[in-house]
Amino acid sequence: MRALTGLAALAALAALSVPAIQRGAADLVAFGARHGLDRAGLPTVEASARARQRFERAIELDGGNPDHHEYLARWYEHAGAYRQALSHFRTALEARPAWPYAWADVARVKLRLGELDGEFDSAVQRAARLGPWERGVQLATAEIAFQAEHRLAPETRRAALGLTSNALKRNQREVAELAVRRGRLDLLCAVPGIGAYPIALRCI
């Protein structure tokens, strides 16, 4: 009986270890590709193709990990394949619905696709609610505001401008650069609380 119990315990332990091994292998496979996308931007066709293969292999090994789907989504976005990027961002959010960066990414890609619909509105508003003080979320949403403010639904506009106002506290220069790039200094000057910051001088 003890022998049978011991064998059952070993079998259970082995069954539990397989997913852990697969997760580790997936992380190892994707590591270099993630670093390349984060740092170098995958400057060659060969590097880009290898990165995609690695992200796809990581998903095969650990498909429930939202990080792998987010990186493959970013790869597709980098390649201009926005529909595929959106699909993988959605999958990532199914696994990690409280992650504000992914909501901001969905909103950004939907804007590129010209789809300012209910999903877009929800993505902007959730990004604002879940990540009001996350720098990347703030800047992504500020760019959305500067690019498409006149097309935003009222609640979505308020959320986007609220995040833009938050971004001014530590990232005034980046926010101003975004406004200038999009030709929307007028909107920058209308952001709540702008008068408290040195860049308000641009509004004179």
N, C-alpha and C. Protein backbone atom coordinates (compact mmCIF):
# COMPACT_ATOMS: atom_id res chain seq x y z
N MET A 1 0.83 -1.21 0.00
CA MET A 1 0.00 0.00 0.00
C MET A 1 0.87 1.26 0.00
N ARG A 2 1.90 1.25 0.83
CA ARG A 2 2.79 2.42 0.87
C ARG A 2 3.46 2.63 -0.48
N ALA A 3 3.84 1.52 -1.12
CA ALA A 3 4.50 1.63 -2.42
C ALA A 3 3.55 2.25 -3.44
N LEU A 4 2.29 1.81 -3.41
CA LEU A 4 1.30 2.35 -4.34
C LEU A 4 1.07 3.83 -4.09
N THR A 5 1.01 4.20 -2.79
CA THR A 5 0.83 5.60 -2.43
C THR A 5 2.01 6.44 -2.92
N GLY A 6 3.21 5.89 -2.75
CA GLY A 6 4.41 6.60 -3.20
C GLY A 6 4.43 6.78 -4.70
N LEU A 7 4.03 5.74 -5.43
CA LEU A 7 3.99 5.84 -6.89
C LEU A 7 2.96 6.86 -7.34
N ALA A 8 1.81 6.89 -6.64
CA ALA A 8 0.78 7.87 -6.98
C ALA A 8 1.27 9.29 -6.74
N ALA A 9 1.99 9.48 -5.63
CA ALA A 9 2.53 10.81 -5.33
C ALA A 9 3.54 11.24 -6.37
N LEU A 10 4.40 10.29 -6.78
CA LEU A 10 5.39 10.62 -7.81
C LEU A 10 4.72 10.96 -9.14
N ALA A 11 3.66 10.21 -9.47
CA ALA A 11 2.95 10.49 -10.71
C ALA A 11 2.31 11.87 -10.68
N ALA A 12 1.73 12.21 -9.52
CA ALA A 12 1.12 13.53 -9.37
C ALA A 12 2.16 14.63 -9.48
N LEU A 13 3.31 14.40 -8.85
CA LEU A 13 4.39 15.39 -8.90
C LEU A 13 4.88 15.57 -10.32
N ALA A 14 5.01 14.46 -11.04
CA ALA A 14 5.46 14.54 -12.43
C ALA A 14 4.46 15.32 -13.28
N ALA A 15 3.16 15.05 -13.03
CA ALA A 15 2.12 15.75 -13.80
C ALA A 15 2.16 17.25 -13.54
N LEU A 16 2.44 17.63 -12.29
CA LEU A 16 2.51 19.05 -11.95
C LEU A 16 3.77 19.70 -12.51
N SER A 17 4.83 18.94 -12.64
CA SER A 17 6.10 19.52 -13.09
C SER A 17 6.12 19.80 -14.58
N VAL A 18 5.31 19.07 -15.35
CA VAL A 18 5.32 19.26 -16.80
C VAL A 18 4.93 20.68 -17.19
N PRO A 19 3.83 21.24 -16.67
CA PRO A 19 3.51 22.63 -17.02
C PRO A 19 4.60 23.62 -16.63
N ALA A 20 5.21 23.38 -15.47
CA ALA A 20 6.27 24.28 -15.02
C ALA A 20 7.46 24.23 -15.98
N ILE A 21 7.79 23.03 -16.44
CA ILE A 21 8.89 22.88 -17.39
C ILE A 21 8.55 23.58 -18.71
N GLN A 22 7.29 23.42 -19.14
CA GLN A 22 6.88 24.07 -20.39
C GLN A 22 6.91 25.59 -20.27
N ARG A 23 6.48 26.11 -19.12
CA ARG A 23 6.53 27.56 -18.92
C ARG A 23 7.96 28.07 -18.96
N GLY A 24 8.85 27.33 -18.29
CA GLY A 24 10.25 27.74 -18.32
C GLY A 24 10.84 27.69 -19.71
N ALA A 25 10.50 26.64 -20.45
CA ALA A 25 11.00 26.51 -21.82
C ALA A 25 10.46 27.63 -22.70
N ALA A 26 9.20 27.98 -22.51
CA ALA A 26 8.59 29.06 -23.30
C ALA A 26 9.29 30.39 -23.02
N ASP A 27 9.55 30.67 -21.76
CA ASP A 27 10.24 31.91 -21.40
C ASP A 27 11.63 31.95 -22.02
N LEU A 28 12.30 30.81 -22.01
CA LEU A 28 13.65 30.75 -22.57
C LEU A 28 13.61 30.97 -24.08
N VAL A 29 12.65 30.35 -24.75
CA VAL A 29 12.53 30.50 -26.20
C VAL A 29 12.27 31.95 -26.57
N ALA A 30 11.41 32.63 -25.80
CA ALA A 30 10.99 33.98 -26.15
C ALA A 30 11.96 35.06 -25.68
N PHE A 31 12.88 34.72 -24.80
CA PHE A 31 13.69 35.75 -24.13
C PHE A 31 14.43 36.65 -25.12
N GLY A 32 15.18 36.06 -26.03
CA GLY A 32 15.96 36.86 -26.97
C GLY A 32 15.08 37.70 -27.88
N ALA A 33 13.97 37.13 -28.32
CA ALA A 33 13.06 37.86 -29.20
C ALA A 33 12.43 39.04 -28.47
N ARG A 34 12.08 38.83 -27.20
CA ARG A 34 11.50 39.92 -26.42
C ARG A 34 12.52 41.04 -26.26
N HIS A 35 13.74 40.68 -25.95
CA HIS A 35 14.80 41.68 -25.79
C HIS A 35 15.00 42.45 -27.10
N GLY A 36 15.00 41.73 -28.20
CA GLY A 36 15.19 42.38 -29.49
C GLY A 36 14.07 43.35 -29.81
N LEU A 37 12.84 42.96 -29.53
CA LEU A 37 11.70 43.85 -29.81
C LEU A 37 11.71 45.06 -28.90
N ASP A 38 12.12 44.86 -27.64
CA ASP A 38 12.16 45.96 -26.67
C ASP A 38 13.28 46.94 -26.97
N ARG A 39 14.43 46.41 -27.35
CA ARG A 39 15.63 47.26 -27.45
C ARG A 39 16.00 47.64 -28.87
N ALA A 40 16.11 46.65 -29.73
CA ALA A 40 16.65 46.91 -31.06
C ALA A 40 15.58 47.16 -32.11
N GLY A 41 14.35 46.76 -31.83
CA GLY A 41 13.29 46.95 -32.81
C GLY A 41 13.35 45.99 -33.98
N LEU A 42 14.13 44.91 -33.87
CA LEU A 42 14.24 43.89 -34.91
C LEU A 42 14.57 44.53 -36.27
N PRO A 43 15.79 45.03 -36.43
CA PRO A 43 16.14 45.86 -37.58
C PRO A 43 16.23 45.12 -38.91
N THR A 44 16.38 43.80 -38.92
CA THR A 44 16.52 43.07 -40.17
C THR A 44 15.34 42.13 -40.38
N VAL A 45 15.13 41.75 -41.63
CA VAL A 45 14.05 40.82 -41.96
C VAL A 45 14.28 39.49 -41.28
N GLU A 46 15.55 39.06 -41.25
CA GLU A 46 15.86 37.78 -40.63
C GLU A 46 15.58 37.80 -39.13
N ALA A 47 15.98 38.88 -38.47
CA ALA A 47 15.73 38.99 -37.03
C ALA A 47 14.24 39.03 -36.73
N SER A 48 13.49 39.72 -37.58
CA SER A 48 12.06 39.81 -37.39
C SER A 48 11.39 38.45 -37.56
N ALA A 49 11.80 37.71 -38.58
CA ALA A 49 11.22 36.38 -38.82
C ALA A 49 11.53 35.43 -37.68
N ARG A 50 12.77 35.48 -37.19
CA ARG A 50 13.14 34.61 -36.06
C ARG A 50 12.32 34.96 -34.82
N ALA A 51 12.12 36.25 -34.59
CA ALA A 51 11.36 36.67 -33.41
C ALA A 51 9.92 36.14 -33.49
N ARG A 52 9.31 36.26 -34.64
CA ARG A 52 7.94 35.75 -34.78
C ARG A 52 7.89 34.25 -34.50
N GLN A 53 8.83 33.51 -35.04
CA GLN A 53 8.86 32.07 -34.82
C GLN A 53 9.01 31.74 -33.35
N ARG A 54 9.83 32.52 -32.67
CA ARG A 54 10.05 32.27 -31.24
C ARG A 54 8.80 32.60 -30.42
N PHE A 55 8.14 33.69 -30.75
CA PHE A 55 6.90 34.02 -30.03
C PHE A 55 5.83 32.96 -30.27
N GLU A 56 5.73 32.50 -31.49
CA GLU A 56 4.73 31.45 -31.80
C GLU A 56 5.07 30.15 -31.07
N ARG A 57 6.35 29.82 -31.00
CA ARG A 57 6.75 28.62 -30.28
C ARG A 57 6.47 28.76 -28.79
N ALA A 58 6.71 29.94 -28.24
CA ALA A 58 6.41 30.17 -26.82
C ALA A 58 4.93 29.98 -26.54
N ILE A 59 4.08 30.42 -27.45
CA ILE A 59 2.64 30.24 -27.28
C ILE A 59 2.27 28.77 -27.36
N GLU A 60 2.93 28.03 -28.25
CA GLU A 60 2.68 26.59 -28.32
C GLU A 60 3.00 25.92 -26.99
N LEU A 61 4.06 26.35 -26.34
CA LEU A 61 4.49 25.75 -25.09
C LEU A 61 3.67 26.23 -23.90
N ASP A 62 3.27 27.50 -23.93
CA ASP A 62 2.59 28.10 -22.77
C ASP A 62 1.56 29.10 -23.26
N GLY A 63 0.52 28.57 -23.88
CA GLY A 63 -0.47 29.44 -24.50
C GLY A 63 -1.29 30.28 -23.55
N GLY A 64 -1.28 29.94 -22.26
CA GLY A 64 -2.04 30.71 -21.29
C GLY A 64 -1.31 31.91 -20.74
N ASN A 65 -0.07 32.11 -21.15
CA ASN A 65 0.72 33.23 -20.65
C ASN A 65 0.44 34.48 -21.49
N PRO A 66 -0.17 35.49 -20.91
CA PRO A 66 -0.53 36.68 -21.70
C PRO A 66 0.68 37.43 -22.25
N ASP A 67 1.83 37.30 -21.59
CA ASP A 67 3.02 38.01 -22.07
C ASP A 67 3.39 37.58 -23.48
N HIS A 68 3.30 36.29 -23.76
CA HIS A 68 3.67 35.80 -25.09
C HIS A 68 2.72 36.34 -26.15
N HIS A 69 1.45 36.40 -25.83
CA HIS A 69 0.48 36.95 -26.78
C HIS A 69 0.69 38.45 -26.98
N GLU A 70 1.03 39.16 -25.91
CA GLU A 70 1.28 40.59 -26.05
C GLU A 70 2.50 40.86 -26.93
N TYR A 71 3.55 40.07 -26.76
CA TYR A 71 4.73 40.28 -27.58
C TYR A 71 4.48 39.92 -29.04
N LEU A 72 3.73 38.85 -29.28
CA LEU A 72 3.41 38.53 -30.67
C LEU A 72 2.50 39.61 -31.26
N ALA A 73 1.59 40.15 -30.45
CA ALA A 73 0.75 41.26 -30.91
C ALA A 73 1.61 42.46 -31.28
N ARG A 74 2.59 42.77 -30.45
CA ARG A 74 3.48 43.89 -30.75
C ARG A 74 4.27 43.62 -32.02
N TRP A 75 4.66 42.35 -32.23
CA TRP A 75 5.38 42.00 -33.46
C TRP A 75 4.48 42.29 -34.66
N TYR A 76 3.23 41.84 -34.61
CA TYR A 76 2.32 42.08 -35.72
C TYR A 76 2.09 43.57 -35.93
N GLU A 77 1.98 44.31 -34.83
CA GLU A 77 1.79 45.75 -34.97
C GLU A 77 3.01 46.39 -35.64
N HIS A 78 4.19 45.96 -35.22
CA HIS A 78 5.44 46.46 -35.81
C HIS A 78 5.47 46.17 -37.31
N ALA A 79 4.88 45.04 -37.70
CA ALA A 79 4.86 44.64 -39.11
C ALA A 79 3.69 45.26 -39.88
N GLY A 80 2.84 46.01 -39.19
CA GLY A 80 1.70 46.63 -39.85
C GLY A 80 0.50 45.72 -40.01
N ALA A 81 0.52 44.57 -39.35
CA ALA A 81 -0.60 43.62 -39.42
C ALA A 81 -1.51 43.87 -38.21
N TYR A 82 -2.29 44.93 -38.27
CA TYR A 82 -3.01 45.39 -37.09
C TYR A 82 -4.15 44.45 -36.69
N ARG A 83 -4.78 43.80 -37.65
CA ARG A 83 -5.86 42.89 -37.31
C ARG A 83 -5.35 41.71 -36.48
N GLN A 84 -4.20 41.15 -36.88
CA GLN A 84 -3.61 40.05 -36.11
C GLN A 84 -3.12 40.54 -34.76
N ALA A 85 -2.58 41.75 -34.72
CA ALA A 85 -2.14 42.32 -33.44
C ALA A 85 -3.31 42.44 -32.48
N LEU A 86 -4.42 42.93 -32.98
CA LEU A 86 -5.61 43.11 -32.14
C LEU A 86 -6.08 41.77 -31.59
N SER A 87 -6.05 40.73 -32.41
CA SER A 87 -6.48 39.40 -31.98
C SER A 87 -5.66 38.91 -30.80
N HIS A 88 -4.35 39.11 -30.86
CA HIS A 88 -3.49 38.63 -29.77
C HIS A 88 -3.59 39.52 -28.53
N PHE A 89 -3.80 40.81 -28.70
CA PHE A 89 -4.04 41.65 -27.53
C PHE A 89 -5.32 41.23 -26.83
N ARG A 90 -6.34 40.88 -27.59
CA ARG A 90 -7.58 40.41 -26.99
C ARG A 90 -7.35 39.11 -26.21
N THR A 91 -6.57 38.21 -26.78
CA THR A 91 -6.29 36.95 -26.09
C THR A 91 -5.54 37.20 -24.79
N ALA A 92 -4.59 38.14 -24.83
CA ALA A 92 -3.84 38.48 -23.62
C ALA A 92 -4.77 39.02 -22.54
N LEU A 93 -5.74 39.83 -22.94
CA LEU A 93 -6.66 40.41 -21.97
C LEU A 93 -7.61 39.37 -21.39
N GLU A 94 -7.90 38.33 -22.13
CA GLU A 94 -8.73 37.26 -21.57
C GLU A 94 -8.04 36.62 -20.37
N ALA A 95 -6.71 36.52 -20.45
CA ALA A 95 -5.95 35.92 -19.36
C ALA A 95 -5.62 36.92 -18.26
N ARG A 96 -5.55 38.23 -18.62
CA ARG A 96 -5.14 39.24 -17.64
C ARG A 96 -5.96 40.51 -17.87
N PRO A 97 -7.24 40.47 -17.49
CA PRO A 97 -8.15 41.58 -17.82
C PRO A 97 -7.90 42.87 -17.06
N ALA A 98 -7.10 42.84 -16.02
CA ALA A 98 -6.85 44.06 -15.24
C ALA A 98 -5.56 44.75 -15.65
N TRP A 99 -4.96 44.37 -16.78
CA TRP A 99 -3.68 44.93 -17.20
C TRP A 99 -3.92 46.17 -18.06
N PRO A 100 -3.66 47.38 -17.54
CA PRO A 100 -4.02 48.59 -18.28
C PRO A 100 -3.25 48.79 -19.57
N TYR A 101 -2.01 48.31 -19.63
CA TYR A 101 -1.22 48.48 -20.84
C TYR A 101 -1.87 47.80 -22.04
N ALA A 102 -2.40 46.60 -21.82
CA ALA A 102 -3.04 45.88 -22.92
C ALA A 102 -4.31 46.59 -23.39
N TRP A 103 -5.06 47.19 -22.45
CA TRP A 103 -6.24 47.96 -22.84
C TRP A 103 -5.82 49.17 -23.68
N ALA A 104 -4.74 49.83 -23.27
CA ALA A 104 -4.25 50.96 -24.06
C ALA A 104 -3.79 50.50 -25.44
N ASP A 105 -3.18 49.33 -25.51
CA ASP A 105 -2.74 48.79 -26.79
C ASP A 105 -3.93 48.49 -27.70
N VAL A 106 -4.98 47.92 -27.14
CA VAL A 106 -6.18 47.64 -27.93
C VAL A 106 -6.74 48.95 -28.49
N ALA A 107 -6.83 49.97 -27.66
CA ALA A 107 -7.34 51.26 -28.12
C ALA A 107 -6.47 51.83 -29.24
N ARG A 108 -5.16 51.74 -29.06
CA ARG A 108 -4.24 52.28 -30.06
C ARG A 108 -4.38 51.56 -31.40
N VAL A 109 -4.48 50.24 -31.36
CA VAL A 109 -4.61 49.46 -32.60
C VAL A 109 -5.97 49.69 -33.25
N LYS A 110 -7.02 49.78 -32.42
CA LYS A 110 -8.34 50.06 -32.97
C LYS A 110 -8.35 51.42 -33.70
N LEU A 111 -7.63 52.39 -33.14
CA LEU A 111 -7.54 53.69 -33.79
C LEU A 111 -6.83 53.56 -35.14
N ARG A 112 -5.78 52.78 -35.19
CA ARG A 112 -5.07 52.56 -36.45
C ARG A 112 -5.98 51.92 -37.49
N LEU A 113 -6.87 51.06 -37.03
CA LEU A 113 -7.81 50.40 -37.93
C LEU A 113 -9.01 51.29 -38.27
N GLY A 114 -9.11 52.45 -37.61
CA GLY A 114 -10.23 53.34 -37.85
C GLY A 114 -11.53 52.86 -37.25
N GLU A 115 -11.42 52.04 -36.19
CA GLU A 115 -12.60 51.45 -35.57
C GLU A 115 -12.84 52.08 -34.19
N LEU A 116 -13.44 53.25 -34.17
CA LEU A 116 -13.74 53.94 -32.92
C LEU A 116 -15.15 53.54 -32.48
N ASP A 117 -15.24 52.30 -32.06
CA ASP A 117 -16.53 51.71 -31.71
C ASP A 117 -16.61 51.46 -30.21
N GLY A 118 -17.55 50.62 -29.80
CA GLY A 118 -17.72 50.35 -28.38
C GLY A 118 -16.51 49.70 -27.75
N GLU A 119 -15.85 48.81 -28.48
CA GLU A 119 -14.65 48.18 -27.94
C GLU A 119 -13.54 49.21 -27.73
N PHE A 120 -13.42 50.13 -28.66
CA PHE A 120 -12.43 51.20 -28.52
C PHE A 120 -12.72 52.05 -27.28
N ASP A 121 -13.97 52.48 -27.13
CA ASP A 121 -14.35 53.29 -25.98
C ASP A 121 -14.07 52.56 -24.67
N SER A 122 -14.45 51.29 -24.63
CA SER A 122 -14.23 50.51 -23.42
C SER A 122 -12.74 50.39 -23.11
N ALA A 123 -11.92 50.20 -24.15
CA ALA A 123 -10.48 50.04 -23.95
C ALA A 123 -9.87 51.31 -23.37
N VAL A 124 -10.23 52.47 -23.91
CA VAL A 124 -9.69 53.74 -23.39
C VAL A 124 -10.13 53.94 -21.95
N GLN A 125 -11.38 53.72 -21.68
CA GLN A 125 -11.91 53.96 -20.35
C GLN A 125 -11.33 52.99 -19.32
N ARG A 126 -11.14 51.73 -19.71
CA ARG A 126 -10.54 50.77 -18.78
C ARG A 126 -9.07 51.06 -18.55
N ALA A 127 -8.37 51.47 -19.58
CA ALA A 127 -6.97 51.86 -19.40
C ALA A 127 -6.87 53.01 -18.41
N ALA A 128 -7.78 53.98 -18.53
CA ALA A 128 -7.77 55.13 -17.62
C ALA A 128 -8.10 54.71 -16.20
N ARG A 129 -9.04 53.81 -16.04
CA ARG A 129 -9.46 53.39 -14.71
C ARG A 129 -8.41 52.50 -14.03
N LEU A 130 -7.78 51.61 -14.80
CA LEU A 130 -6.86 50.63 -14.22
C LEU A 130 -5.42 51.13 -14.12
N GLY A 131 -5.05 52.10 -14.96
CA GLY A 131 -3.66 52.55 -14.93
C GLY A 131 -3.51 54.05 -14.99
N PRO A 132 -4.19 54.79 -14.11
CA PRO A 132 -4.16 56.26 -14.21
C PRO A 132 -2.78 56.86 -14.00
N TRP A 133 -1.87 56.14 -13.32
CA TRP A 133 -0.54 56.69 -13.05
C TRP A 133 0.57 55.89 -13.70
N GLU A 134 0.22 55.07 -14.68
CA GLU A 134 1.22 54.31 -15.44
C GLU A 134 1.70 55.14 -16.62
N ARG A 135 2.99 55.43 -16.65
CA ARG A 135 3.53 56.34 -17.67
C ARG A 135 3.17 55.90 -19.09
N GLY A 136 3.40 54.63 -19.40
CA GLY A 136 3.14 54.16 -20.74
C GLY A 136 1.67 54.27 -21.13
N VAL A 137 0.80 54.01 -20.17
CA VAL A 137 -0.64 54.12 -20.42
C VAL A 137 -1.01 55.59 -20.64
N GLN A 138 -0.46 56.46 -19.82
CA GLN A 138 -0.75 57.89 -19.95
C GLN A 138 -0.34 58.41 -21.34
N LEU A 139 0.87 58.09 -21.77
CA LEU A 139 1.36 58.63 -23.04
C LEU A 139 0.63 58.03 -24.23
N ALA A 140 0.32 56.73 -24.15
CA ALA A 140 -0.42 56.11 -25.24
C ALA A 140 -1.80 56.74 -25.39
N THR A 141 -2.44 57.00 -24.26
CA THR A 141 -3.78 57.57 -24.30
C THR A 141 -3.73 59.05 -24.68
N ALA A 142 -2.67 59.75 -24.26
CA ALA A 142 -2.51 61.15 -24.68
C ALA A 142 -2.38 61.24 -26.20
N GLU A 143 -1.64 60.32 -26.78
CA GLU A 143 -1.49 60.36 -28.24
C GLU A 143 -2.83 60.09 -28.93
N ILE A 144 -3.60 59.17 -28.36
CA ILE A 144 -4.94 58.93 -28.90
C ILE A 144 -5.77 60.21 -28.84
N ALA A 145 -5.70 60.92 -27.72
CA ALA A 145 -6.45 62.16 -27.58
C ALA A 145 -6.02 63.19 -28.62
N PHE A 146 -4.71 63.37 -28.78
CA PHE A 146 -4.23 64.37 -29.73
C PHE A 146 -4.53 63.99 -31.18
N GLN A 147 -4.61 62.69 -31.43
CA GLN A 147 -4.83 62.25 -32.80
C GLN A 147 -6.31 62.23 -33.19
N ALA A 148 -7.18 61.93 -32.22
CA ALA A 148 -8.58 61.69 -32.60
C ALA A 148 -9.59 62.33 -31.66
N GLU A 149 -9.20 63.39 -30.96
CA GLU A 149 -10.08 63.99 -29.94
C GLU A 149 -11.45 64.36 -30.49
N HIS A 150 -11.49 64.89 -31.70
CA HIS A 150 -12.77 65.34 -32.27
C HIS A 150 -13.69 64.18 -32.63
N ARG A 151 -13.15 62.95 -32.61
CA ARG A 151 -13.97 61.78 -32.96
C ARG A 151 -14.32 60.93 -31.74
N LEU A 152 -13.88 61.33 -30.57
CA LEU A 152 -14.10 60.53 -29.37
C LEU A 152 -15.48 60.81 -28.76
N ALA A 153 -16.09 59.76 -28.24
CA ALA A 153 -17.32 59.92 -27.48
C ALA A 153 -17.04 60.73 -26.23
N PRO A 154 -18.00 61.47 -25.70
CA PRO A 154 -17.74 62.37 -24.56
C PRO A 154 -17.05 61.70 -23.38
N GLU A 155 -17.52 60.53 -22.95
CA GLU A 155 -16.90 59.86 -21.79
C GLU A 155 -15.49 59.40 -22.10
N THR A 156 -15.29 58.94 -23.33
CA THR A 156 -13.95 58.51 -23.74
C THR A 156 -13.01 59.71 -23.81
N ARG A 157 -13.50 60.82 -24.30
CA ARG A 157 -12.70 62.04 -24.36
C ARG A 157 -12.27 62.47 -22.96
N ARG A 158 -13.21 62.44 -22.00
CA ARG A 158 -12.88 62.82 -20.63
C ARG A 158 -11.81 61.90 -20.06
N ALA A 159 -11.93 60.60 -20.32
CA ALA A 159 -10.95 59.65 -19.80
C ALA A 159 -9.57 59.91 -20.41
N ALA A 160 -9.54 60.15 -21.72
CA ALA A 160 -8.26 60.38 -22.40
C ALA A 160 -7.60 61.67 -21.92
N LEU A 161 -8.38 62.73 -21.79
CA LEU A 161 -7.81 63.99 -21.33
C LEU A 161 -7.42 63.93 -19.85
N GLY A 162 -8.15 63.12 -19.07
CA GLY A 162 -7.77 62.95 -17.68
C GLY A 162 -6.41 62.29 -17.55
N LEU A 163 -6.15 61.27 -18.36
CA LEU A 163 -4.83 60.63 -18.35
C LEU A 163 -3.76 61.57 -18.87
N THR A 164 -4.11 62.38 -19.85
CA THR A 164 -3.16 63.37 -20.36
C THR A 164 -2.79 64.36 -19.27
N SER A 165 -3.77 64.77 -18.49
CA SER A 165 -3.51 65.66 -17.36
C SER A 165 -2.58 64.99 -16.35
N ASN A 166 -2.81 63.72 -16.07
CA ASN A 166 -1.93 62.99 -15.15
C ASN A 166 -0.50 62.93 -15.69
N ALA A 167 -0.39 62.75 -17.01
CA ALA A 167 0.94 62.62 -17.62
C ALA A 167 1.77 63.89 -17.47
N LEU A 168 1.09 65.04 -17.36
CA LEU A 168 1.82 66.30 -17.25
C LEU A 168 2.65 66.38 -15.98
N LYS A 169 2.27 65.65 -14.95
CA LYS A 169 2.95 65.77 -13.66
C LYS A 169 4.42 65.37 -13.74
N ARG A 170 4.73 64.39 -14.60
CA ARG A 170 6.12 63.92 -14.68
C ARG A 170 6.66 63.86 -16.10
N ASN A 171 5.81 64.07 -17.09
CA ASN A 171 6.24 63.88 -18.48
C ASN A 171 5.78 65.04 -19.36
N GLN A 172 6.02 66.26 -18.88
CA GLN A 172 5.56 67.43 -19.63
C GLN A 172 6.15 67.48 -21.03
N ARG A 173 7.45 67.22 -21.12
CA ARG A 173 8.12 67.35 -22.43
C ARG A 173 7.53 66.35 -23.42
N GLU A 174 7.34 65.10 -22.98
CA GLU A 174 6.81 64.08 -23.90
C GLU A 174 5.39 64.44 -24.35
N VAL A 175 4.58 64.94 -23.41
CA VAL A 175 3.22 65.31 -23.77
C VAL A 175 3.22 66.46 -24.77
N ALA A 176 4.07 67.45 -24.52
CA ALA A 176 4.16 68.59 -25.44
C ALA A 176 4.62 68.14 -26.82
N GLU A 177 5.57 67.23 -26.88
CA GLU A 177 6.07 66.73 -28.16
C GLU A 177 4.96 66.00 -28.92
N LEU A 178 4.16 65.23 -28.19
CA LEU A 178 3.04 64.55 -28.83
C LEU A 178 2.05 65.56 -29.42
N ALA A 179 1.76 66.60 -28.65
CA ALA A 179 0.81 67.62 -29.11
C ALA A 179 1.33 68.33 -30.35
N VAL A 180 2.61 68.68 -30.35
CA VAL A 180 3.20 69.37 -31.49
C VAL A 180 3.20 68.45 -32.72
N ARG A 181 3.56 67.19 -32.51
CA ARG A 181 3.63 66.23 -33.61
C ARG A 181 2.27 66.07 -34.29
N ARG A 182 1.22 66.11 -33.49
CA ARG A 182 -0.13 65.94 -34.04
C ARG A 182 -0.80 67.27 -34.37
N GLY A 183 -0.08 68.37 -34.18
CA GLY A 183 -0.66 69.67 -34.49
C GLY A 183 -1.82 70.04 -33.59
N ARG A 184 -1.74 69.65 -32.31
CA ARG A 184 -2.85 69.87 -31.39
C ARG A 184 -2.42 70.62 -30.13
N LEU A 185 -1.65 71.68 -30.30
CA LEU A 185 -1.34 72.54 -29.15
C LEU A 185 -2.61 73.12 -28.55
N ASP A 186 -3.62 73.33 -29.39
CA ASP A 186 -4.88 73.86 -28.88
C ASP A 186 -5.51 72.91 -27.86
N LEU A 187 -5.41 71.61 -28.12
CA LEU A 187 -5.97 70.64 -27.19
C LEU A 187 -5.11 70.54 -25.94
N LEU A 188 -3.79 70.61 -26.12
CA LEU A 188 -2.90 70.62 -24.95
C LEU A 188 -3.26 71.76 -24.02
N CYS A 189 -3.55 72.91 -24.58
CA CYS A 189 -3.87 74.08 -23.77
C CYS A 189 -5.23 73.96 -23.09
N ALA A 190 -6.03 72.98 -23.54
CA ALA A 190 -7.35 72.77 -22.94
C ALA A 190 -7.35 71.65 -21.92
N VAL A 191 -6.20 71.00 -21.72
CA VAL A 191 -6.12 69.90 -20.76
C VAL A 191 -6.33 70.44 -19.35
N PRO A 192 -7.15 69.81 -18.55
CA PRO A 192 -7.38 70.29 -17.18
C PRO A 192 -6.09 70.46 -16.39
N GLY A 193 -5.91 71.61 -15.77
CA GLY A 193 -4.74 71.87 -14.93
C GLY A 193 -3.50 72.31 -15.66
N ILE A 194 -3.59 72.57 -16.97
CA ILE A 194 -2.41 72.91 -17.76
C ILE A 194 -1.72 74.17 -17.23
N GLY A 195 -2.49 75.09 -16.65
CA GLY A 195 -1.92 76.35 -16.19
C GLY A 195 -0.89 76.21 -15.09
N ALA A 196 -0.83 75.06 -14.44
CA ALA A 196 0.12 74.85 -13.34
C ALA A 196 1.50 74.43 -13.85
N TYR A 197 1.68 74.26 -15.15
CA TYR A 197 2.93 73.71 -15.67
C TYR A 197 3.63 74.69 -16.60
N PRO A 198 4.95 74.64 -16.63
CA PRO A 198 5.71 75.58 -17.47
C PRO A 198 5.32 75.52 -18.95
N ILE A 199 4.89 74.34 -19.44
CA ILE A 199 4.56 74.27 -20.86
C ILE A 199 3.32 75.08 -21.19
N ALA A 200 2.62 75.59 -20.19
CA ALA A 200 1.47 76.46 -20.43
C ALA A 200 1.90 77.73 -21.16
N LEU A 201 3.19 78.08 -21.09
CA LEU A 201 3.69 79.24 -21.80
C LEU A 201 3.50 79.11 -23.31
N ARG A 202 3.42 77.87 -23.79
CA ARG A 202 3.19 77.66 -25.21
C ARG A 202 1.77 78.05 -25.62
N CYS A 203 0.92 78.20 -24.63
CA CYS A 203 -0.49 78.52 -24.91
C CYS A 203 -0.72 80.02 -25.01
N ILE A 204 0.29 80.82 -24.71
CA ILE A 204 0.11 82.28 -24.74
C ILE A 204 0.13 82.79 -26.17
